[in-house]
Amino acid sequence: MIIGKVIGRIVSTRKHERLVGNKILVCEVKRNGTKETIVAIDTVGAGIGENVLITTGSSARISMVNNEAPVDAAIVGIVDEENDLEIFN
């Protein structure tokens, strides 16, 4: 899992049928000292500005209600406390 921050959302009226009804969020993550942007399916009701836990790969797909959905990144938790980690400064 990786920690990310939700920075936006995507509205898509046309998408794969197994993605219908899912919220798609844009997240900023830090990897190797650089910031990257990824798109993740929200499974927990996260909102813009929240720090979240993101899983990728097959773990993301099986975290979905429909584990046949074409998903490579999924938000699986909302971070309540970071113990003074300065992740997104």
C-alpha atoms as a PDB file:
ATOM      1  CA  MET A   1       0.000   0.000   0.000  1.00  0.00           C
ATOM      2  CA  ILE A   2       0.998   3.590  -0.517  1.00  0.00           C
ATOM      3  CA  ILE A   3      -0.165   6.847   1.045  1.00  0.00           C
ATOM      4  CA  GLY A   4      -1.657   9.452  -1.244  1.00  0.00           C
ATOM      5  CA  LYS A   5      -3.631  12.664  -1.110  1.00  0.00           C
ATOM      6  CA  VAL A   6      -6.842  13.105  -3.078  1.00  0.00           C
ATOM      7  CA  ILE A   7      -6.453  16.171  -5.282  1.00  0.00           C
ATOM      8  CA  GLY A   8      -9.392  15.857  -7.680  1.00  0.00           C
ATOM      9  CA  ARG A   9     -12.060  13.711  -9.218  1.00  0.00           C
ATOM     10  CA  ILE A  10     -12.886  12.469 -12.673  1.00  0.00           C
ATOM     11  CA  VAL A  11     -16.358  12.469 -14.178  1.00  0.00           C
ATOM     12  CA  SER A  12     -16.717   9.964 -16.991  1.00  0.00           C
ATOM     13  CA  THR A  13     -20.077   9.385 -18.609  1.00  0.00           C
ATOM     14  CA  ARG A  14     -18.688   6.628 -20.845  1.00  0.00           C
ATOM     15  CA  LYS A  15     -16.610   3.896 -19.267  1.00  0.00           C
ATOM     16  CA  HIS A  16     -16.279   0.134 -19.031  1.00  0.00           C
ATOM     17  CA  GLU A  17     -19.537  -1.393 -17.832  1.00  0.00           C
ATOM     18  CA  ARG A  18     -17.872  -2.844 -14.710  1.00  0.00           C
ATOM     19  CA  LEU A  19     -16.815   0.658 -13.604  1.00  0.00           C
ATOM     20  CA  VAL A  20     -20.339   2.115 -13.662  1.00  0.00           C
ATOM     21  CA  GLY A  21     -21.295   3.428 -10.219  1.00  0.00           C
ATOM     22  CA  ASN A  22     -17.714   3.833  -8.972  1.00  0.00           C
ATOM     23  CA  LYS A  23     -16.174   7.174  -7.958  1.00  0.00           C
ATOM     24  CA  ILE A  24     -12.880   7.881  -9.725  1.00  0.00           C
ATOM     25  CA  LEU A  25     -10.408  10.107  -7.869  1.00  0.00           C
ATOM     26  CA  VAL A  26      -7.079  11.694  -8.782  1.00  0.00           C
ATOM     27  CA  CYS A  27      -4.405  11.197  -6.131  1.00  0.00           C
ATOM     28  CA  GLU A  28      -0.941  12.585  -5.586  1.00  0.00           C
ATOM     29  CA  VAL A  29       1.648  10.132  -4.271  1.00  0.00           C
ATOM     30  CA  LYS A  30       5.333  10.436  -3.503  1.00  0.00           C
ATOM     31  CA  ARG A  31       7.645   7.779  -4.893  1.00  0.00           C
ATOM     32  CA  ASN A  32      11.412   7.981  -4.735  1.00  0.00           C
ATOM     33  CA  GLY A  33      11.276  11.629  -3.710  1.00  0.00           C
ATOM     34  CA  THR A  34       9.135  12.763  -6.634  1.00  0.00           C
ATOM     35  CA  LYS A  35       5.412  13.465  -6.774  1.00  0.00           C
ATOM     36  CA  GLU A  36       3.312  11.406  -9.136  1.00  0.00           C
ATOM     37  CA  THR A  37      -0.362  11.556 -10.016  1.00  0.00           C
ATOM     38  CA  ILE A  38      -2.446   8.399 -10.205  1.00  0.00           C
ATOM     39  CA  VAL A  39      -6.103   7.639 -10.785  1.00  0.00           C
ATOM     40  CA  ALA A  40      -7.796   5.340  -8.272  1.00  0.00           C
ATOM     41  CA  ILE A  41     -11.260   3.945  -7.671  1.00  0.00           C
ATOM     42  CA  ASP A  42     -12.694   5.013  -4.295  1.00  0.00           C
ATOM     43  CA  THR A  43     -13.995   2.114  -2.193  1.00  0.00           C
ATOM     44  CA  VAL A  44     -14.331   3.985   1.139  1.00  0.00           C
ATOM     45  CA  GLY A  45     -15.956   7.368   0.477  1.00  0.00           C
ATOM     46  CA  ALA A  46     -12.845   9.548   0.422  1.00  0.00           C
ATOM     47  CA  GLY A  47     -12.977  13.220  -0.476  1.00  0.00           C
ATOM     48  CA  ILE A  48     -10.736  15.876  -1.957  1.00  0.00           C
ATOM     49  CA  GLY A  49      -7.958  16.910   0.430  1.00  0.00           C
ATOM     50  CA  GLU A  50      -7.932  13.676   2.436  1.00  0.00           C
ATOM     51  CA  ASN A  51      -4.866  11.490   2.866  1.00  0.00           C
ATOM     52  CA  VAL A  52      -5.688   7.945   1.806  1.00  0.00           C
ATOM     53  CA  LEU A  53      -4.281   4.431   1.624  1.00  0.00           C
ATOM     54  CA  ILE A  54      -4.030   3.155  -1.932  1.00  0.00           C
ATOM     55  CA  THR A  55      -3.443  -0.396  -3.072  1.00  0.00           C
ATOM     56  CA  THR A  56      -2.360  -1.270  -6.598  1.00  0.00           C
ATOM     57  CA  GLY A  57      -2.249  -4.271  -8.905  1.00  0.00           C
ATOM     58  CA  SER A  58      -4.304  -7.377  -8.247  1.00  0.00           C
ATOM     59  CA  SER A  59      -4.942  -6.261  -4.652  1.00  0.00           C
ATOM     60  CA  ALA A  60      -6.817  -3.247  -6.015  1.00  0.00           C
ATOM     61  CA  ARG A  61      -8.988  -5.398  -8.228  1.00  0.00           C
ATOM     62  CA  ILE A  62      -9.972  -7.817  -5.457  1.00  0.00           C
ATOM     63  CA  SER A  63     -10.830  -4.926  -3.111  1.00  0.00           C
ATOM     64  CA  MET A  64     -13.741  -4.083  -5.409  1.00  0.00           C
ATOM     65  CA  VAL A  65     -17.273  -5.413  -4.983  1.00  0.00           C
ATOM     66  CA  ASN A  66     -17.003  -6.583  -8.585  1.00  0.00           C
ATOM     67  CA  ASN A  67     -13.535  -8.160  -8.640  1.00  0.00           C
ATOM     68  CA  GLU A  68     -13.760  -8.497 -12.428  1.00  0.00           C
ATOM     69  CA  ALA A  69     -13.517  -4.700 -12.847  1.00  0.00           C
ATOM     70  CA  PRO A  70     -10.519  -3.374 -14.819  1.00  0.00           C
ATOM     71  CA  VAL A  71      -8.898  -1.596 -11.844  1.00  0.00           C
ATOM     72  CA  ASP A  72      -5.191  -1.086 -11.146  1.00  0.00           C
ATOM     73  CA  ALA A  73      -5.423   1.309  -8.158  1.00  0.00           C
ATOM     74  CA  ALA A  74      -8.041   1.505  -5.399  1.00  0.00           C
ATOM     75  CA  ILE A  75      -8.431   3.680  -2.321  1.00  0.00           C
ATOM     76  CA  VAL A  76      -8.946   1.272   0.578  1.00  0.00           C
ATOM     77  CA  GLY A  77      -8.584   3.528   3.624  1.00  0.00           C
ATOM     78  CA  ILE A  78      -8.682   7.101   4.889  1.00  0.00           C
ATOM     79  CA  VAL A  79      -5.753   8.188   7.061  1.00  0.00           C
ATOM     80  CA  ASP A  80      -6.969   9.655  10.372  1.00  0.00           C
ATOM     81  CA  GLU A  81      -3.556  10.308  11.891  1.00  0.00           C
ATOM     82  CA  GLU A  82      -0.010  10.216  10.535  1.00  0.00           C
ATOM     83  CA  ASN A  83       2.052  10.467  13.736  1.00  0.00           C
ATOM     84  CA  ASP A  84       3.731  13.687  12.609  1.00  0.00           C
ATOM     85  CA  LEU A  85       4.875  12.333   9.244  1.00  0.00           C
ATOM     86  CA  GLU A  86       5.401  15.163   6.804  1.00  0.00           C
ATOM     87  CA  ILE A  87       4.349  13.418   3.624  1.00  0.00           C
ATOM     88  CA  PHE A  88       2.738  16.193   1.603  1.00  0.00           C
ATOM     89  CA  ASN A  89       4.482  19.464   2.400  1.00  0.00           C
END
